[in-house]
N, C-alpha and C. Protein backbone atom coordinates (compact mmCIF):
# COMPACT_ATOMS: atom_id res chain seq x y z
N MET A 1 0.84 -1.18 0.00
CA MET A 1 0.00 0.00 0.00
C MET A 1 0.89 1.25 0.00
N ALA A 2 0.53 2.20 -0.77
CA ALA A 2 1.33 3.42 -0.89
C ALA A 2 1.14 4.32 0.32
N ARG A 3 2.19 5.05 0.64
CA ARG A 3 2.12 6.01 1.73
C ARG A 3 1.52 7.31 1.21
N PRO A 4 0.80 8.03 2.06
CA PRO A 4 0.26 9.31 1.61
C PRO A 4 1.38 10.33 1.38
N ILE A 5 1.18 11.21 0.46
CA ILE A 5 2.16 12.24 0.16
C ILE A 5 2.03 13.35 1.20
N LYS A 6 3.17 13.74 1.79
CA LYS A 6 3.16 14.80 2.80
C LYS A 6 2.94 16.15 2.12
N GLU A 7 2.38 17.07 2.88
CA GLU A 7 2.19 18.41 2.36
C GLU A 7 3.54 19.10 2.18
N THR A 8 3.64 19.95 1.18
CA THR A 8 4.87 20.70 0.94
C THR A 8 5.00 21.77 2.02
N PRO A 9 6.15 21.83 2.69
CA PRO A 9 6.30 22.84 3.74
C PRO A 9 6.36 24.26 3.16
N ILE A 10 5.91 25.21 3.92
CA ILE A 10 5.97 26.61 3.52
C ILE A 10 7.30 27.17 4.01
N LEU A 11 8.01 27.86 3.12
CA LEU A 11 9.31 28.43 3.47
C LEU A 11 9.13 29.84 4.00
N TYR A 12 9.94 30.16 5.01
CA TYR A 12 9.92 31.48 5.62
C TYR A 12 11.33 32.02 5.72
N GLY A 13 11.47 33.32 5.83
CA GLY A 13 12.74 33.96 6.14
C GLY A 13 13.84 33.68 5.13
N LYS A 14 15.03 33.34 5.65
CA LYS A 14 16.21 33.13 4.81
C LYS A 14 16.00 32.02 3.80
N ALA A 15 15.34 30.93 4.22
CA ALA A 15 15.11 29.81 3.32
C ALA A 15 14.25 30.23 2.13
N ALA A 16 13.24 31.05 2.38
CA ALA A 16 12.37 31.54 1.31
C ALA A 16 13.13 32.44 0.34
N ARG A 17 13.95 33.33 0.90
CA ARG A 17 14.73 34.23 0.03
C ARG A 17 15.74 33.44 -0.80
N LYS A 18 16.40 32.47 -0.19
CA LYS A 18 17.38 31.65 -0.90
C LYS A 18 16.71 30.87 -2.02
N PHE A 19 15.54 30.31 -1.74
CA PHE A 19 14.80 29.57 -2.76
C PHE A 19 14.44 30.47 -3.94
N GLU A 20 13.94 31.65 -3.65
CA GLU A 20 13.56 32.60 -4.70
C GLU A 20 14.77 33.01 -5.54
N GLU A 21 15.90 33.27 -4.88
CA GLU A 21 17.12 33.64 -5.61
C GLU A 21 17.58 32.50 -6.53
N GLU A 22 17.51 31.29 -6.03
CA GLU A 22 17.93 30.13 -6.83
C GLU A 22 17.00 29.94 -8.04
N MET A 23 15.71 30.16 -7.84
CA MET A 23 14.76 30.04 -8.95
C MET A 23 15.06 31.09 -10.03
N GLN A 24 15.38 32.31 -9.61
CA GLN A 24 15.71 33.36 -10.57
C GLN A 24 17.00 33.02 -11.31
N ARG A 25 17.98 32.48 -10.60
CA ARG A 25 19.26 32.14 -11.23
C ARG A 25 19.05 31.07 -12.30
N VAL A 26 18.26 30.06 -11.98
CA VAL A 26 18.03 28.97 -12.93
C VAL A 26 17.23 29.47 -14.13
N GLU A 27 16.25 30.33 -13.90
CA GLU A 27 15.44 30.85 -15.00
C GLU A 27 16.26 31.71 -15.96
N ASN A 28 17.34 32.32 -15.48
CA ASN A 28 18.14 33.20 -16.31
C ASN A 28 19.31 32.49 -16.99
N MET A 29 19.41 31.18 -16.86
CA MET A 29 20.51 30.44 -17.48
C MET A 29 20.28 30.31 -18.98
N THR A 30 21.37 30.33 -19.71
CA THR A 30 21.29 30.12 -21.15
C THR A 30 21.20 28.63 -21.41
N ARG A 31 20.87 28.28 -22.62
CA ARG A 31 20.78 26.87 -23.01
C ARG A 31 22.13 26.18 -22.82
N GLU A 32 23.22 26.88 -23.14
CA GLU A 32 24.56 26.31 -23.00
C GLU A 32 24.90 26.05 -21.54
N GLU A 33 24.50 26.98 -20.66
CA GLU A 33 24.75 26.79 -19.23
C GLU A 33 23.96 25.59 -18.69
N ARG A 34 22.74 25.45 -19.15
CA ARG A 34 21.93 24.30 -18.71
C ARG A 34 22.55 22.99 -19.19
N MET A 35 23.02 22.97 -20.42
CA MET A 35 23.65 21.75 -20.96
C MET A 35 24.94 21.43 -20.20
N ALA A 36 25.71 22.45 -19.85
CA ALA A 36 26.94 22.24 -19.10
C ALA A 36 26.63 21.69 -17.70
N ASN A 37 25.59 22.22 -17.07
CA ASN A 37 25.18 21.70 -15.76
C ASN A 37 24.73 20.25 -15.87
N ARG A 38 23.97 19.95 -16.89
CA ARG A 38 23.48 18.57 -17.08
C ARG A 38 24.64 17.62 -17.28
N LYS A 39 25.61 18.02 -18.10
CA LYS A 39 26.76 17.17 -18.36
C LYS A 39 27.56 16.92 -17.08
N LYS A 40 27.72 17.97 -16.27
CA LYS A 40 28.44 17.86 -15.00
C LYS A 40 27.74 16.87 -14.06
N VAL A 41 26.42 16.96 -13.98
CA VAL A 41 25.65 16.05 -13.12
C VAL A 41 25.75 14.62 -13.64
N GLU A 42 25.63 14.43 -14.94
CA GLU A 42 25.73 13.08 -15.51
C GLU A 42 27.10 12.47 -15.24
N GLU A 43 28.16 13.26 -15.37
CA GLU A 43 29.50 12.76 -15.10
C GLU A 43 29.66 12.38 -13.63
N GLY A 44 29.11 13.21 -12.75
CA GLY A 44 29.17 12.92 -11.32
C GLY A 44 28.41 11.65 -10.97
N CYS A 45 27.26 11.47 -11.58
CA CYS A 45 26.46 10.27 -11.31
C CYS A 45 27.16 9.02 -11.82
N SER A 46 27.71 9.08 -13.00
CA SER A 46 28.38 7.89 -13.54
C SER A 46 29.63 7.57 -12.72
N ALA A 47 30.35 8.58 -12.24
CA ALA A 47 31.52 8.33 -11.38
C ALA A 47 31.07 7.69 -10.07
N PHE A 48 29.97 8.17 -9.52
CA PHE A 48 29.44 7.59 -8.28
C PHE A 48 29.01 6.15 -8.49
N LEU A 49 28.32 5.88 -9.58
CA LEU A 49 27.83 4.52 -9.82
C LEU A 49 28.97 3.53 -10.04
N LYS A 50 30.12 4.00 -10.52
CA LYS A 50 31.28 3.12 -10.69
C LYS A 50 31.85 2.70 -9.35
N THR A 51 31.66 3.52 -8.32
CA THR A 51 32.23 3.23 -7.01
C THR A 51 31.27 2.46 -6.10
N VAL A 52 30.03 2.35 -6.48
CA VAL A 52 29.02 1.73 -5.62
C VAL A 52 28.58 0.40 -6.24
N LYS A 53 28.52 -0.63 -5.41
CA LYS A 53 27.98 -1.91 -5.86
C LYS A 53 26.54 -1.99 -5.37
N VAL A 54 25.66 -2.33 -6.28
CA VAL A 54 24.24 -2.43 -5.93
C VAL A 54 23.87 -3.91 -5.88
N CYS A 55 23.30 -4.32 -4.77
CA CYS A 55 22.83 -5.70 -4.62
C CYS A 55 21.35 -5.75 -4.87
N ILE A 56 20.97 -6.61 -5.77
CA ILE A 56 19.53 -6.73 -6.08
C ILE A 56 19.02 -8.06 -5.56
């Protein structure tokens, strides 16, 4: 049986300002910057997966 989804917390103060700033930064990125970020994340994930053994 699935667990109920928790409500999204409301941000206040510094956390709210930081979230808003980060949203503005991401919205203002160029296509090239987004692709560079994606490539960096993919490289980090593949490096991590090489070091971790997954038991199924």
